[in-house]
N, C-alpha and C. Protein backbone atom coordinates (compact mmCIF):
# COMPACT_ATOMS: atom_id res chain seq x y z
N MET A 1 -4.62 14.92 -2.42
CA MET A 1 -3.52 14.29 -3.12
C MET A 1 -3.80 14.28 -4.61
N LEU A 2 -2.75 14.29 -5.40
CA LEU A 2 -2.87 14.18 -6.84
C LEU A 2 -2.47 12.79 -7.27
N CYS A 3 -3.03 12.32 -8.34
CA CYS A 3 -2.63 11.02 -8.86
C CYS A 3 -1.35 11.19 -9.65
N PHE A 4 -0.64 10.13 -9.84
CA PHE A 4 0.60 10.16 -10.58
C PHE A 4 0.31 10.28 -12.07
N PRO A 5 1.24 10.84 -12.85
CA PRO A 5 1.01 11.00 -14.29
C PRO A 5 0.66 9.69 -15.00
N LYS A 6 1.24 8.57 -14.58
CA LYS A 6 0.91 7.29 -15.22
C LYS A 6 -0.55 6.94 -14.98
N THR A 7 -1.07 7.25 -13.80
CA THR A 7 -2.47 6.98 -13.51
C THR A 7 -3.36 7.86 -14.36
N LEU A 8 -2.98 9.12 -14.52
CA LEU A 8 -3.75 10.03 -15.36
C LEU A 8 -3.73 9.55 -16.80
N LEU A 9 -2.56 9.12 -17.27
CA LEU A 9 -2.46 8.59 -18.63
C LEU A 9 -3.33 7.36 -18.80
N ALA A 10 -3.34 6.49 -17.80
CA ALA A 10 -4.18 5.29 -17.87
C ALA A 10 -5.65 5.68 -17.98
N GLY A 11 -6.07 6.69 -17.23
CA GLY A 11 -7.44 7.17 -17.31
C GLY A 11 -7.75 7.77 -18.67
N ALA A 12 -6.79 8.52 -19.21
CA ALA A 12 -7.00 9.14 -20.52
C ALA A 12 -7.09 8.09 -21.62
N VAL A 13 -6.38 6.99 -21.47
CA VAL A 13 -6.45 5.92 -22.45
C VAL A 13 -7.70 5.08 -22.25
N THR A 14 -8.14 4.92 -21.02
CA THR A 14 -9.29 4.07 -20.72
C THR A 14 -10.58 4.59 -21.32
N VAL A 15 -10.82 5.89 -21.25
CA VAL A 15 -12.08 6.45 -21.76
C VAL A 15 -12.27 6.12 -23.24
N PRO A 16 -11.29 6.40 -24.12
CA PRO A 16 -11.52 6.05 -25.52
C PRO A 16 -11.69 4.54 -25.73
N LEU A 17 -10.97 3.73 -24.94
CA LEU A 17 -11.13 2.29 -25.08
C LEU A 17 -12.53 1.85 -24.72
N LEU A 18 -13.05 2.38 -23.65
CA LEU A 18 -14.40 2.00 -23.23
C LEU A 18 -15.44 2.45 -24.25
N LEU A 19 -15.17 3.54 -24.93
CA LEU A 19 -16.15 4.11 -25.84
C LEU A 19 -15.93 3.73 -27.30
N SER A 20 -14.94 2.91 -27.59
CA SER A 20 -14.59 2.66 -28.98
C SER A 20 -15.33 1.49 -29.61
N ALA A 21 -16.09 0.74 -28.86
CA ALA A 21 -16.78 -0.41 -29.43
C ALA A 21 -17.80 0.05 -30.47
N ALA A 22 -17.92 -0.70 -31.56
CA ALA A 22 -18.85 -0.34 -32.62
C ALA A 22 -20.29 -0.57 -32.20
N VAL A 23 -20.52 -1.55 -31.34
CA VAL A 23 -21.86 -1.83 -30.83
C VAL A 23 -21.91 -1.41 -29.37
N ARG A 24 -23.11 -1.20 -28.89
CA ARG A 24 -23.27 -0.78 -27.50
C ARG A 24 -22.81 -1.89 -26.56
N ALA A 25 -21.88 -1.57 -25.70
CA ALA A 25 -21.33 -2.54 -24.76
C ALA A 25 -22.11 -2.53 -23.46
N GLU A 26 -21.86 -3.54 -22.64
CA GLU A 26 -22.53 -3.58 -21.34
C GLU A 26 -22.00 -2.44 -20.47
N ASP A 27 -22.82 -1.97 -19.56
CA ASP A 27 -22.40 -0.89 -18.67
C ASP A 27 -21.24 -1.34 -17.79
N TRP A 28 -20.43 -0.38 -17.39
CA TRP A 28 -19.32 -0.59 -16.46
C TRP A 28 -19.62 0.36 -15.30
N PRO A 29 -20.63 0.01 -14.47
CA PRO A 29 -21.23 0.98 -13.55
C PRO A 29 -20.48 1.24 -12.26
N GLN A 30 -19.39 0.55 -12.04
CA GLN A 30 -18.66 0.77 -10.79
C GLN A 30 -17.21 0.35 -10.99
N TRP A 31 -16.41 0.63 -9.99
CA TRP A 31 -14.99 0.31 -10.06
C TRP A 31 -14.79 -1.17 -10.34
N ARG A 32 -13.98 -1.49 -11.32
CA ARG A 32 -13.65 -2.85 -11.75
C ARG A 32 -14.82 -3.59 -12.37
N GLY A 33 -15.88 -2.88 -12.80
CA GLY A 33 -16.93 -3.50 -13.58
C GLY A 33 -18.15 -3.94 -12.82
N LEU A 34 -19.02 -4.64 -13.55
CA LEU A 34 -20.33 -5.01 -13.03
C LEU A 34 -20.26 -5.76 -11.70
N ASN A 35 -19.32 -6.71 -11.58
CA ASN A 35 -19.21 -7.52 -10.37
C ASN A 35 -18.01 -7.15 -9.51
N ARG A 36 -17.38 -6.00 -9.82
CA ARG A 36 -16.19 -5.53 -9.10
C ARG A 36 -15.04 -6.54 -9.14
N ASP A 37 -14.96 -7.29 -10.23
CA ASP A 37 -13.91 -8.31 -10.34
C ASP A 37 -12.95 -8.05 -11.51
N GLY A 38 -13.13 -6.94 -12.21
CA GLY A 38 -12.26 -6.60 -13.33
C GLY A 38 -12.49 -7.47 -14.55
N VAL A 39 -13.58 -8.22 -14.59
CA VAL A 39 -13.87 -9.11 -15.71
C VAL A 39 -14.88 -8.47 -16.64
N CYS A 40 -14.57 -8.47 -17.93
CA CYS A 40 -15.48 -7.96 -18.95
C CYS A 40 -15.96 -9.16 -19.77
N ASP A 41 -17.26 -9.37 -19.79
CA ASP A 41 -17.84 -10.52 -20.50
C ASP A 41 -18.28 -10.20 -21.92
N GLU A 42 -17.84 -9.07 -22.46
CA GLU A 42 -18.23 -8.67 -23.81
C GLU A 42 -17.63 -9.63 -24.84
N ALA A 43 -18.36 -9.85 -25.92
CA ALA A 43 -17.86 -10.64 -27.03
C ALA A 43 -17.31 -9.70 -28.09
N GLY A 44 -16.40 -10.20 -28.92
CA GLY A 44 -15.88 -9.42 -30.04
C GLY A 44 -14.90 -8.34 -29.67
N LEU A 45 -14.25 -8.45 -28.51
CA LEU A 45 -13.26 -7.45 -28.11
C LEU A 45 -11.99 -7.60 -28.93
N LEU A 46 -11.27 -6.52 -29.11
CA LEU A 46 -10.01 -6.56 -29.84
C LEU A 46 -9.00 -7.45 -29.13
N GLN A 47 -8.27 -8.24 -29.91
CA GLN A 47 -7.18 -9.04 -29.36
C GLN A 47 -5.87 -8.25 -29.34
N SER A 48 -5.79 -7.26 -30.24
CA SER A 48 -4.63 -6.37 -30.29
C SER A 48 -5.08 -5.04 -30.89
N PHE A 49 -4.29 -4.02 -30.70
CA PHE A 49 -4.62 -2.71 -31.23
C PHE A 49 -4.28 -2.65 -32.71
N PRO A 50 -5.11 -1.97 -33.51
CA PRO A 50 -4.77 -1.79 -34.93
C PRO A 50 -3.49 -0.96 -35.07
N ALA A 51 -2.73 -1.23 -36.14
CA ALA A 51 -1.47 -0.52 -36.37
C ALA A 51 -1.68 0.99 -36.43
N GLU A 52 -2.83 1.43 -36.98
CA GLU A 52 -3.10 2.88 -37.09
C GLU A 52 -3.67 3.46 -35.79
N GLY A 53 -3.85 2.62 -34.78
CA GLY A 53 -4.38 3.08 -33.49
C GLY A 53 -5.89 3.02 -33.45
N LEU A 54 -6.43 3.32 -32.30
CA LEU A 54 -7.87 3.31 -32.12
C LEU A 54 -8.48 4.62 -32.62
N LYS A 55 -9.70 4.55 -33.08
CA LYS A 55 -10.42 5.74 -33.50
C LYS A 55 -10.93 6.46 -32.25
N VAL A 56 -10.55 7.71 -32.10
CA VAL A 56 -11.01 8.52 -30.97
C VAL A 56 -12.35 9.12 -31.34
N ARG A 57 -13.37 8.83 -30.56
CA ARG A 57 -14.71 9.34 -30.85
C ARG A 57 -14.89 10.76 -30.35
N TRP A 58 -14.29 11.09 -29.20
CA TRP A 58 -14.34 12.44 -28.67
C TRP A 58 -13.29 12.59 -27.59
N ARG A 59 -12.97 13.83 -27.27
CA ARG A 59 -12.04 14.15 -26.19
C ARG A 59 -12.65 15.26 -25.35
N VAL A 60 -12.41 15.18 -24.06
CA VAL A 60 -12.88 16.19 -23.13
C VAL A 60 -11.75 16.46 -22.14
N PRO A 61 -11.37 17.71 -21.92
CA PRO A 61 -10.32 17.98 -20.93
C PRO A 61 -10.81 17.67 -19.52
N ILE A 62 -10.04 16.88 -18.82
CA ILE A 62 -10.35 16.49 -17.44
C ILE A 62 -9.11 16.76 -16.60
N GLY A 63 -9.29 17.30 -15.42
CA GLY A 63 -8.17 17.58 -14.54
C GLY A 63 -7.69 16.34 -13.81
N TRP A 64 -6.80 16.56 -12.85
CA TRP A 64 -6.28 15.46 -12.02
C TRP A 64 -7.43 14.83 -11.25
N GLY A 65 -7.35 13.53 -11.04
CA GLY A 65 -8.41 12.87 -10.30
C GLY A 65 -7.96 11.57 -9.67
N PHE A 66 -8.87 10.93 -9.00
CA PHE A 66 -8.58 9.72 -8.24
C PHE A 66 -9.38 8.52 -8.71
N SER A 67 -10.20 8.67 -9.72
CA SER A 67 -11.10 7.58 -10.08
C SER A 67 -10.98 7.21 -11.55
N SER A 68 -11.51 6.06 -11.87
CA SER A 68 -11.62 5.66 -13.26
C SER A 68 -12.98 6.11 -13.78
N PRO A 69 -13.15 6.14 -15.09
CA PRO A 69 -14.46 6.49 -15.61
C PRO A 69 -15.47 5.39 -15.28
N VAL A 70 -16.70 5.80 -15.09
CA VAL A 70 -17.81 4.86 -14.90
C VAL A 70 -18.77 5.10 -16.05
N VAL A 71 -19.12 4.03 -16.76
CA VAL A 71 -20.01 4.12 -17.91
C VAL A 71 -21.29 3.39 -17.57
N ALA A 72 -22.42 4.10 -17.62
CA ALA A 72 -23.71 3.48 -17.30
C ALA A 72 -24.83 4.25 -18.00
N GLN A 73 -25.75 3.50 -18.60
CA GLN A 73 -26.96 4.06 -19.19
C GLN A 73 -26.68 5.22 -20.15
N GLY A 74 -25.66 5.05 -20.99
CA GLY A 74 -25.36 6.06 -21.99
C GLY A 74 -24.63 7.29 -21.47
N ARG A 75 -24.13 7.20 -20.27
CA ARG A 75 -23.42 8.34 -19.67
C ARG A 75 -22.06 7.90 -19.14
N VAL A 76 -21.11 8.84 -19.15
CA VAL A 76 -19.78 8.60 -18.60
C VAL A 76 -19.62 9.55 -17.42
N PHE A 77 -19.25 9.01 -16.28
CA PHE A 77 -19.04 9.81 -15.07
C PHE A 77 -17.55 9.84 -14.77
N MET A 78 -17.00 11.06 -14.58
CA MET A 78 -15.59 11.25 -14.28
C MET A 78 -15.45 12.24 -13.13
N ALA A 79 -14.56 11.92 -12.21
CA ALA A 79 -14.25 12.84 -11.11
C ALA A 79 -12.87 13.44 -11.36
N ASP A 80 -12.71 14.72 -11.05
CA ASP A 80 -11.41 15.36 -11.18
C ASP A 80 -11.29 16.49 -10.17
N SER A 81 -10.15 17.18 -10.23
CA SER A 81 -9.90 18.33 -9.37
C SER A 81 -9.53 19.52 -10.23
N GLU A 82 -9.99 20.68 -9.81
CA GLU A 82 -9.62 21.94 -10.46
C GLU A 82 -8.74 22.69 -9.47
N LEU A 83 -7.48 22.90 -9.83
CA LEU A 83 -6.50 23.50 -8.93
C LEU A 83 -6.10 24.87 -9.42
N ILE A 84 -6.58 25.90 -8.75
CA ILE A 84 -6.21 27.28 -9.03
C ILE A 84 -5.77 27.87 -7.69
N LYS A 85 -4.43 27.89 -7.50
CA LYS A 85 -3.88 28.28 -6.21
C LYS A 85 -4.42 29.63 -5.77
N PRO A 86 -4.88 29.80 -4.56
CA PRO A 86 -4.81 28.88 -3.42
C PRO A 86 -6.07 28.04 -3.23
N LYS A 87 -6.99 28.06 -4.20
CA LYS A 87 -8.25 27.34 -4.03
C LYS A 87 -8.26 26.07 -4.87
N ALA A 88 -9.03 25.10 -4.40
CA ALA A 88 -9.20 23.86 -5.14
C ALA A 88 -10.66 23.44 -5.08
N LYS A 89 -11.09 22.79 -6.13
CA LYS A 89 -12.44 22.23 -6.18
C LYS A 89 -12.34 20.81 -6.67
N GLU A 90 -13.18 19.95 -6.17
CA GLU A 90 -13.35 18.63 -6.73
C GLU A 90 -14.64 18.66 -7.52
N ARG A 91 -14.65 17.94 -8.65
CA ARG A 91 -15.80 18.00 -9.54
C ARG A 91 -16.20 16.59 -9.96
N LEU A 92 -17.47 16.43 -10.24
CA LEU A 92 -17.98 15.21 -10.85
C LEU A 92 -18.66 15.63 -12.15
N HIS A 93 -18.21 15.03 -13.24
CA HIS A 93 -18.74 15.34 -14.57
C HIS A 93 -19.61 14.19 -15.04
N CYS A 94 -20.72 14.52 -15.65
CA CYS A 94 -21.58 13.54 -16.32
C CYS A 94 -21.58 13.92 -17.80
N LEU A 95 -21.08 12.99 -18.64
CA LEU A 95 -20.93 13.25 -20.07
C LEU A 95 -21.77 12.29 -20.88
N ASP A 96 -22.22 12.74 -22.03
CA ASP A 96 -22.94 11.87 -22.95
C ASP A 96 -21.94 10.87 -23.55
N GLU A 97 -22.26 9.58 -23.47
CA GLU A 97 -21.34 8.54 -23.95
C GLU A 97 -21.04 8.66 -25.44
N SER A 98 -21.99 9.07 -26.24
CA SER A 98 -21.81 9.13 -27.69
C SER A 98 -21.04 10.35 -28.16
N THR A 99 -21.25 11.49 -27.50
CA THR A 99 -20.69 12.75 -27.99
C THR A 99 -19.63 13.37 -27.08
N GLY A 100 -19.63 13.00 -25.81
CA GLY A 100 -18.72 13.63 -24.85
C GLY A 100 -19.22 14.96 -24.33
N LYS A 101 -20.39 15.39 -24.77
CA LYS A 101 -20.93 16.67 -24.32
C LYS A 101 -21.33 16.57 -22.85
N ALA A 102 -21.07 17.66 -22.12
CA ALA A 102 -21.40 17.70 -20.69
C ALA A 102 -22.91 17.73 -20.50
N ILE A 103 -23.39 16.84 -19.64
CA ILE A 103 -24.79 16.83 -19.25
C ILE A 103 -24.94 17.66 -17.98
N TRP A 104 -24.03 17.44 -17.03
CA TRP A 104 -23.98 18.27 -15.83
C TRP A 104 -22.62 18.10 -15.18
N THR A 105 -22.27 19.08 -14.33
CA THR A 105 -21.06 19.03 -13.51
C THR A 105 -21.41 19.54 -12.13
N HIS A 106 -20.96 18.81 -11.13
CA HIS A 106 -21.15 19.25 -9.74
C HIS A 106 -19.76 19.49 -9.16
N SER A 107 -19.56 20.64 -8.52
CA SER A 107 -18.26 20.95 -7.91
C SER A 107 -18.45 21.43 -6.48
N TYR A 108 -17.39 21.23 -5.70
CA TYR A 108 -17.41 21.68 -4.32
C TYR A 108 -15.99 22.04 -3.91
N ASP A 109 -15.87 23.01 -3.01
CA ASP A 109 -14.57 23.47 -2.53
C ASP A 109 -13.94 22.42 -1.63
N VAL A 110 -12.62 22.29 -1.76
CA VAL A 110 -11.84 21.40 -0.89
C VAL A 110 -10.58 22.12 -0.46
N ALA A 111 -9.97 21.65 0.61
CA ALA A 111 -8.71 22.23 1.10
C ALA A 111 -7.60 21.23 0.84
N TYR A 112 -6.68 21.57 -0.08
CA TYR A 112 -5.53 20.73 -0.37
C TYR A 112 -4.29 21.38 0.24
N GLU A 113 -3.31 20.58 0.54
CA GLU A 113 -2.01 21.08 1.01
C GLU A 113 -1.34 21.82 -0.14
N ASP A 114 -0.39 22.71 0.18
CA ASP A 114 0.30 23.50 -0.83
C ASP A 114 0.96 22.64 -1.90
N TRP A 115 1.52 21.48 -1.52
CA TRP A 115 2.21 20.64 -2.49
C TRP A 115 1.29 20.15 -3.60
N ALA A 116 0.00 20.13 -3.38
CA ALA A 116 -0.93 19.65 -4.40
C ALA A 116 -0.96 20.57 -5.63
N PHE A 117 -0.53 21.81 -5.46
CA PHE A 117 -0.56 22.76 -6.56
C PHE A 117 0.72 22.73 -7.39
N ASP A 118 1.72 21.94 -6.98
CA ASP A 118 2.95 21.83 -7.75
C ASP A 118 2.67 21.05 -9.02
N SER A 119 3.24 21.48 -10.13
CA SER A 119 3.00 20.82 -11.41
C SER A 119 3.93 19.65 -11.66
N THR A 120 4.87 19.39 -10.79
CA THR A 120 5.80 18.26 -11.01
C THR A 120 5.39 17.06 -10.25
């Protein structure tokens, strides 16, 4: 299955938000955070977005996926899918938190239904 465009957009917005803090933030090592409760105990978080927007530190192209980014020990982990009809692969990317450079990627073949390759 593919995620909906709004979910992809949320993921694309989440990565820069997680990485935009001026000081090193606590790890977000699993879904919904340290205690899986969606609570962030960081101090000094923005109360609103600046009028000029957030500063983007880096961008990395990521395909469709089912997960949120996980940030731990200076690394960002992202899962996505690579869809080249008729084949599909699921991938796990490990990126450097500071630069966005790939540390490693693991991929494996999967079988998706034909509808998964539709771009709409």
